[in-house]
N, C-alpha and C. Protein backbone atom coordinates (compact mmCIF):
# COMPACT_ATOMS: atom_id res chain seq x y z
N MET A 1 21.19 -4.19 5.70
CA MET A 1 19.86 -3.64 5.74
C MET A 1 19.57 -2.80 4.50
N LYS A 2 20.60 -2.07 4.02
CA LYS A 2 20.40 -1.25 2.84
C LYS A 2 20.17 -2.11 1.61
N THR A 3 20.85 -3.25 1.52
CA THR A 3 20.65 -4.11 0.36
C THR A 3 19.25 -4.70 0.38
N LEU A 4 18.73 -5.00 1.55
CA LEU A 4 17.36 -5.51 1.65
C LEU A 4 16.37 -4.45 1.18
N ALA A 5 16.59 -3.21 1.58
CA ALA A 5 15.70 -2.13 1.16
C ALA A 5 15.78 -1.93 -0.36
N LYS A 6 16.98 -2.03 -0.92
CA LYS A 6 17.13 -1.89 -2.37
C LYS A 6 16.40 -3.01 -3.10
N LYS A 7 16.55 -4.23 -2.60
CA LYS A 7 15.89 -5.37 -3.24
C LYS A 7 14.37 -5.24 -3.16
N MET A 8 13.87 -4.77 -2.01
CA MET A 8 12.43 -4.58 -1.87
C MET A 8 11.93 -3.48 -2.80
N ALA A 9 12.68 -2.40 -2.93
CA ALA A 9 12.27 -1.31 -3.82
C ALA A 9 12.24 -1.77 -5.27
N ILE A 10 13.23 -2.54 -5.68
CA ILE A 10 13.27 -3.04 -7.05
C ILE A 10 12.11 -4.00 -7.30
N THR A 11 11.85 -4.86 -6.34
CA THR A 11 10.74 -5.81 -6.48
C THR A 11 9.41 -5.09 -6.57
N LEU A 12 9.19 -4.10 -5.71
CA LEU A 12 7.94 -3.36 -5.74
C LEU A 12 7.79 -2.58 -7.03
N SER A 13 8.87 -2.00 -7.52
CA SER A 13 8.81 -1.26 -8.77
C SER A 13 8.43 -2.18 -9.93
N GLY A 14 9.04 -3.33 -9.98
CA GLY A 14 8.70 -4.28 -11.03
C GLY A 14 7.27 -4.77 -10.92
N THR A 15 6.80 -4.96 -9.71
CA THR A 15 5.43 -5.41 -9.51
C THR A 15 4.45 -4.36 -9.97
N ILE A 16 4.71 -3.11 -9.65
CA ILE A 16 3.81 -2.03 -10.01
C ILE A 16 3.72 -1.87 -11.53
N LEU A 17 4.84 -2.03 -12.21
CA LEU A 17 4.83 -1.86 -13.66
C LEU A 17 3.92 -2.86 -14.35
N PHE A 18 3.83 -4.07 -13.82
CA PHE A 18 3.03 -5.10 -14.46
C PHE A 18 1.70 -5.34 -13.77
N PHE A 19 1.45 -4.68 -12.66
CA PHE A 19 0.23 -4.90 -11.90
C PHE A 19 -1.00 -4.45 -12.66
N ASN A 20 -0.96 -3.26 -13.25
CA ASN A 20 -2.10 -2.72 -13.96
C ASN A 20 -2.44 -3.56 -15.19
N ASN A 21 -1.42 -4.02 -15.92
CA ASN A 21 -1.66 -4.85 -17.10
C ASN A 21 -2.29 -6.18 -16.72
N ALA A 22 -1.85 -6.77 -15.62
CA ALA A 22 -2.40 -8.05 -15.20
C ALA A 22 -3.87 -7.91 -14.83
N LEU A 23 -4.22 -6.83 -14.16
CA LEU A 23 -5.62 -6.62 -13.81
C LEU A 23 -6.46 -6.33 -15.05
N ALA A 24 -5.91 -5.59 -16.00
CA ALA A 24 -6.66 -5.27 -17.21
C ALA A 24 -6.91 -6.53 -18.04
N GLN A 25 -5.98 -7.46 -18.05
CA GLN A 25 -6.16 -8.67 -18.82
C GLN A 25 -7.19 -9.60 -18.21
N SER A 26 -7.26 -9.63 -16.89
CA SER A 26 -8.19 -10.55 -16.24
C SER A 26 -9.58 -9.96 -16.08
N ALA A 27 -9.73 -8.65 -16.22
CA ALA A 27 -11.01 -8.02 -15.94
C ALA A 27 -12.10 -8.47 -16.90
N SER A 28 -11.80 -8.57 -18.20
CA SER A 28 -12.84 -8.92 -19.16
C SER A 28 -13.32 -10.36 -18.95
N PHE A 29 -12.45 -11.25 -18.58
CA PHE A 29 -12.85 -12.64 -18.37
C PHE A 29 -13.81 -12.75 -17.19
N PHE A 30 -13.51 -12.03 -16.11
CA PHE A 30 -14.37 -12.13 -14.94
C PHE A 30 -15.65 -11.32 -15.09
N ASP A 31 -15.64 -10.30 -15.95
CA ASP A 31 -16.85 -9.54 -16.19
C ASP A 31 -17.87 -10.37 -16.97
N ASN A 32 -17.40 -11.07 -17.97
CA ASN A 32 -18.29 -11.86 -18.81
C ASN A 32 -17.59 -13.16 -19.21
N PRO A 33 -17.63 -14.18 -18.36
CA PRO A 33 -16.86 -15.40 -18.65
C PRO A 33 -17.39 -16.19 -19.84
N GLN A 34 -18.69 -16.03 -20.21
CA GLN A 34 -19.23 -16.82 -21.32
C GLN A 34 -18.67 -16.34 -22.66
N THR A 35 -18.60 -15.03 -22.85
CA THR A 35 -18.17 -14.54 -24.15
C THR A 35 -16.67 -14.28 -24.21
N GLY A 36 -16.06 -13.98 -23.09
CA GLY A 36 -14.64 -13.67 -23.09
C GLY A 36 -14.35 -12.44 -23.93
N ALA A 37 -15.17 -11.41 -23.77
CA ALA A 37 -15.07 -10.21 -24.60
C ALA A 37 -13.70 -9.56 -24.47
N ILE A 38 -13.25 -8.94 -25.54
CA ILE A 38 -11.97 -8.24 -25.56
C ILE A 38 -12.12 -6.97 -24.72
N PRO A 39 -11.15 -6.70 -23.84
CA PRO A 39 -11.28 -5.50 -23.00
C PRO A 39 -11.25 -4.22 -23.82
N ASN A 40 -12.03 -3.25 -23.38
CA ASN A 40 -12.07 -1.95 -24.03
C ASN A 40 -10.87 -1.14 -23.57
N VAL A 41 -9.98 -0.80 -24.50
CA VAL A 41 -8.74 -0.11 -24.14
C VAL A 41 -9.05 1.28 -23.60
N SER A 42 -10.06 1.93 -24.11
CA SER A 42 -10.39 3.28 -23.65
C SER A 42 -10.99 3.27 -22.25
N ALA A 43 -11.42 2.12 -21.75
CA ALA A 43 -12.04 2.04 -20.43
C ALA A 43 -11.01 1.86 -19.32
N GLN A 44 -9.71 1.90 -19.65
CA GLN A 44 -8.69 1.70 -18.64
C GLN A 44 -8.46 2.94 -17.80
N GLY A 45 -8.97 4.07 -18.17
CA GLY A 45 -8.84 5.27 -17.37
C GLY A 45 -7.83 6.24 -17.96
N THR A 46 -7.87 7.44 -17.43
CA THR A 46 -6.96 8.48 -17.89
C THR A 46 -5.65 8.37 -17.14
N LEU A 47 -4.70 9.20 -17.55
CA LEU A 47 -3.40 9.21 -16.88
C LEU A 47 -3.55 9.61 -15.42
N GLY A 48 -4.38 10.60 -15.15
CA GLY A 48 -4.61 11.04 -13.77
C GLY A 48 -5.19 9.95 -12.90
N GLN A 49 -6.14 9.19 -13.45
CA GLN A 49 -6.73 8.09 -12.69
C GLN A 49 -5.71 6.99 -12.43
N ASN A 50 -4.87 6.72 -13.43
CA ASN A 50 -3.84 5.69 -13.24
C ASN A 50 -2.82 6.11 -12.19
N VAL A 51 -2.43 7.39 -12.21
CA VAL A 51 -1.49 7.89 -11.20
C VAL A 51 -2.12 7.83 -9.82
N THR A 52 -3.39 8.20 -9.74
CA THR A 52 -4.10 8.13 -8.46
C THR A 52 -4.17 6.70 -7.95
N ASN A 53 -4.43 5.76 -8.85
CA ASN A 53 -4.48 4.35 -8.45
C ASN A 53 -3.13 3.87 -7.94
N ILE A 54 -2.05 4.28 -8.59
CA ILE A 54 -0.71 3.87 -8.17
C ILE A 54 -0.39 4.46 -6.79
N ILE A 55 -0.71 5.75 -6.60
CA ILE A 55 -0.46 6.39 -5.31
C ILE A 55 -1.28 5.71 -4.22
N ASN A 56 -2.54 5.41 -4.50
CA ASN A 56 -3.38 4.73 -3.50
C ASN A 56 -2.85 3.33 -3.20
N PHE A 57 -2.31 2.66 -4.21
CA PHE A 57 -1.72 1.34 -3.97
C PHE A 57 -0.54 1.44 -3.01
N PHE A 58 0.34 2.42 -3.27
CA PHE A 58 1.49 2.60 -2.38
C PHE A 58 1.05 3.00 -0.97
N LEU A 59 0.03 3.84 -0.86
CA LEU A 59 -0.46 4.21 0.47
C LEU A 59 -1.04 3.00 1.19
N GLY A 60 -1.74 2.15 0.47
CA GLY A 60 -2.25 0.92 1.08
C GLY A 60 -1.13 -0.01 1.52
N LEU A 61 -0.09 -0.09 0.71
CA LEU A 61 1.07 -0.91 1.06
C LEU A 61 1.75 -0.35 2.31
N LEU A 62 1.91 0.96 2.37
CA LEU A 62 2.50 1.57 3.56
C LEU A 62 1.62 1.35 4.79
N GLY A 63 0.31 1.37 4.60
CA GLY A 63 -0.60 1.08 5.71
C GLY A 63 -0.42 -0.34 6.23
N LEU A 64 -0.25 -1.27 5.32
CA LEU A 64 -0.01 -2.66 5.74
C LEU A 64 1.30 -2.79 6.50
N ILE A 65 2.32 -2.07 6.05
CA ILE A 65 3.61 -2.10 6.74
C ILE A 65 3.48 -1.50 8.13
N ALA A 66 2.71 -0.41 8.26
CA ALA A 66 2.51 0.21 9.56
C ALA A 66 1.76 -0.73 10.50
N VAL A 67 0.77 -1.44 9.99
CA VAL A 67 0.04 -2.41 10.83
C VAL A 67 0.97 -3.55 11.23
N ALA A 68 1.85 -3.96 10.33
CA ALA A 68 2.81 -5.02 10.67
C ALA A 68 3.74 -4.55 11.79
N PHE A 69 4.15 -3.27 11.75
CA PHE A 69 4.96 -2.73 12.84
C PHE A 69 4.18 -2.70 14.15
N LEU A 70 2.89 -2.40 14.09
CA LEU A 70 2.07 -2.44 15.30
C LEU A 70 2.02 -3.85 15.89
N ILE A 71 1.85 -4.83 15.03
CA ILE A 71 1.82 -6.22 15.49
C ILE A 71 3.16 -6.62 16.07
N TYR A 72 4.25 -6.23 15.39
CA TYR A 72 5.59 -6.54 15.89
C TYR A 72 5.82 -5.91 17.26
N ALA A 73 5.42 -4.65 17.41
CA ALA A 73 5.60 -3.97 18.69
C ALA A 73 4.75 -4.62 19.78
N GLY A 74 3.55 -5.06 19.42
CA GLY A 74 2.72 -5.75 20.40
C GLY A 74 3.34 -7.05 20.86
N VAL A 75 3.89 -7.81 19.94
CA VAL A 75 4.56 -9.06 20.29
C VAL A 75 5.79 -8.76 21.14
N LEU A 76 6.52 -7.72 20.76
CA LEU A 76 7.70 -7.32 21.52
C LEU A 76 7.34 -6.95 22.95
N MET A 77 6.22 -6.25 23.10
CA MET A 77 5.80 -5.82 24.43
C MET A 77 5.32 -7.01 25.27
N VAL A 78 4.61 -7.92 24.63
CA VAL A 78 4.09 -9.08 25.37
C VAL A 78 5.23 -9.99 25.80
N THR A 79 6.23 -10.14 24.96
CA THR A 79 7.34 -11.04 25.28
C THR A 79 8.47 -10.34 26.03
N ALA A 80 8.26 -9.13 26.49
CA ALA A 80 9.31 -8.37 27.17
C ALA A 80 9.74 -9.04 28.47
N GLY A 81 8.84 -9.64 29.15
CA GLY A 81 9.19 -10.33 30.40
C GLY A 81 9.67 -9.39 31.49
N GLY A 82 9.17 -8.19 31.51
CA GLY A 82 9.54 -7.25 32.55
C GLY A 82 10.75 -6.39 32.24
N GLU A 83 11.37 -6.58 31.10
CA GLU A 83 12.52 -5.76 30.73
C GLU A 83 12.04 -4.39 30.27
N GLU A 84 12.42 -3.38 31.02
CA GLU A 84 11.94 -2.02 30.75
C GLU A 84 12.44 -1.49 29.41
N GLU A 85 13.66 -1.88 29.03
CA GLU A 85 14.23 -1.41 27.77
C GLU A 85 13.42 -1.90 26.57
N GLN A 86 13.00 -3.15 26.62
CA GLN A 86 12.23 -3.72 25.53
C GLN A 86 10.82 -3.11 25.48
N VAL A 87 10.25 -2.80 26.64
CA VAL A 87 8.93 -2.18 26.68
C VAL A 87 8.98 -0.77 26.10
N THR A 88 10.02 -0.01 26.45
CA THR A 88 10.13 1.35 25.89
C THR A 88 10.38 1.31 24.38
N LYS A 89 11.13 0.31 23.92
CA LYS A 89 11.35 0.15 22.48
C LYS A 89 10.02 -0.13 21.77
N ALA A 90 9.21 -0.99 22.37
CA ALA A 90 7.90 -1.32 21.79
C ALA A 90 6.98 -0.11 21.80
N LYS A 91 7.03 0.68 22.86
CA LYS A 91 6.19 1.89 22.92
C LYS A 91 6.60 2.89 21.85
N LYS A 92 7.90 3.02 21.61
CA LYS A 92 8.37 3.92 20.54
C LYS A 92 7.87 3.45 19.18
N ILE A 93 7.98 2.15 18.94
CA ILE A 93 7.53 1.60 17.66
C ILE A 93 6.04 1.83 17.48
N ILE A 94 5.26 1.63 18.54
CA ILE A 94 3.82 1.84 18.46
C ILE A 94 3.51 3.30 18.16
N SER A 95 4.19 4.21 18.84
CA SER A 95 3.90 5.63 18.60
C SER A 95 4.28 6.04 17.18
N TYR A 96 5.42 5.56 16.69
CA TYR A 96 5.82 5.89 15.32
C TYR A 96 4.86 5.27 14.30
N ALA A 97 4.40 4.06 14.56
CA ALA A 97 3.46 3.41 13.64
C ALA A 97 2.12 4.15 13.61
N VAL A 98 1.66 4.60 14.76
CA VAL A 98 0.39 5.34 14.80
C VAL A 98 0.54 6.67 14.06
N VAL A 99 1.66 7.36 14.27
CA VAL A 99 1.90 8.61 13.54
C VAL A 99 1.96 8.32 12.04
N GLY A 100 2.58 7.22 11.65
CA GLY A 100 2.64 6.85 10.24
C GLY A 100 1.26 6.58 9.67
N ILE A 101 0.41 5.91 10.41
CA ILE A 101 -0.95 5.63 9.94
C ILE A 101 -1.73 6.92 9.77
N VAL A 102 -1.56 7.85 10.71
CA VAL A 102 -2.26 9.14 10.59
C VAL A 102 -1.78 9.89 9.34
N ILE A 103 -0.47 9.88 9.10
CA ILE A 103 0.07 10.55 7.91
C ILE A 103 -0.44 9.87 6.63
N ILE A 104 -0.51 8.55 6.64
CA ILE A 104 -1.02 7.82 5.47
C ILE A 104 -2.47 8.18 5.22
N LEU A 105 -3.29 8.23 6.26
CA LEU A 105 -4.70 8.58 6.09
C LEU A 105 -4.86 10.01 5.58
N LEU A 106 -4.06 10.93 6.11
CA LEU A 106 -4.11 12.30 5.61
C LEU A 106 -3.66 12.38 4.15
N SER A 107 -2.64 11.62 3.80
CA SER A 107 -2.17 11.59 2.41
C SER A 107 -3.25 11.05 1.48
N TYR A 108 -3.93 10.02 1.92
CA TYR A 108 -5.02 9.45 1.12
C TYR A 108 -6.13 10.49 0.93
N THR A 109 -6.45 11.22 1.98
CA THR A 109 -7.47 12.25 1.89
C THR A 109 -7.06 13.35 0.92
N ILE A 110 -5.81 13.77 0.99
CA ILE A 110 -5.32 14.82 0.08
C ILE A 110 -5.33 14.32 -1.37
N VAL A 111 -4.88 13.10 -1.61
CA VAL A 111 -4.87 12.55 -2.97
C VAL A 111 -6.29 12.46 -3.50
N THR A 112 -7.23 12.01 -2.69
CA THR A 112 -8.61 11.90 -3.12
C THR A 112 -9.21 13.27 -3.43
N PHE A 113 -8.91 14.25 -2.58
CA PHE A 113 -9.42 15.60 -2.80
C PHE A 113 -8.85 16.20 -4.07
N VAL A 114 -7.54 16.10 -4.27
CA VAL A 114 -6.92 16.67 -5.47
C VAL A 114 -7.41 15.95 -6.72
N SER A 115 -7.56 14.63 -6.64
CA SER A 115 -8.03 13.87 -7.77
C SER A 115 -9.45 14.27 -8.17
N SER A 116 -10.32 14.47 -7.19
CA SER A 116 -11.69 14.86 -7.50
C SER A 116 -11.75 16.32 -7.96
N ALA A 117 -10.86 17.16 -7.46
CA ALA A 117 -10.85 18.56 -7.86
C ALA A 117 -10.37 18.73 -9.30
N LEU A 118 -9.41 17.90 -9.70
CA LEU A 118 -8.89 17.99 -11.06
C LEU A 118 -9.79 17.28 -12.08
N GLY A 119 -10.68 16.48 -11.60
CA GLY A 119 -11.63 15.82 -12.52
C GLY A 119 -11.21 14.48 -12.82
């Protein structure tokens, strides 16, 4: 399980490093496909905006993972077949996922507030 987590962390790190560049390269083409204008380097945002975008990306990814846990717990509960142990396991997963979603939403609110306060 630890090796899977390490592999996922490395993959996500590599994806994040090249994610912003890929979006910056494709943005000018989709903005004006006839001219294919060169993207304005200064329009990519400040360091604070880029950090905020990365944090929001990770929060969105964590939100997707929490929703996946909710779906998994729902399937676990539906397929329990009357086994009380499996139902209690699913209830624990649901409660932890809901707490995680609340924490993610609060984190997003804090990041947005700090980002707007700093300019």
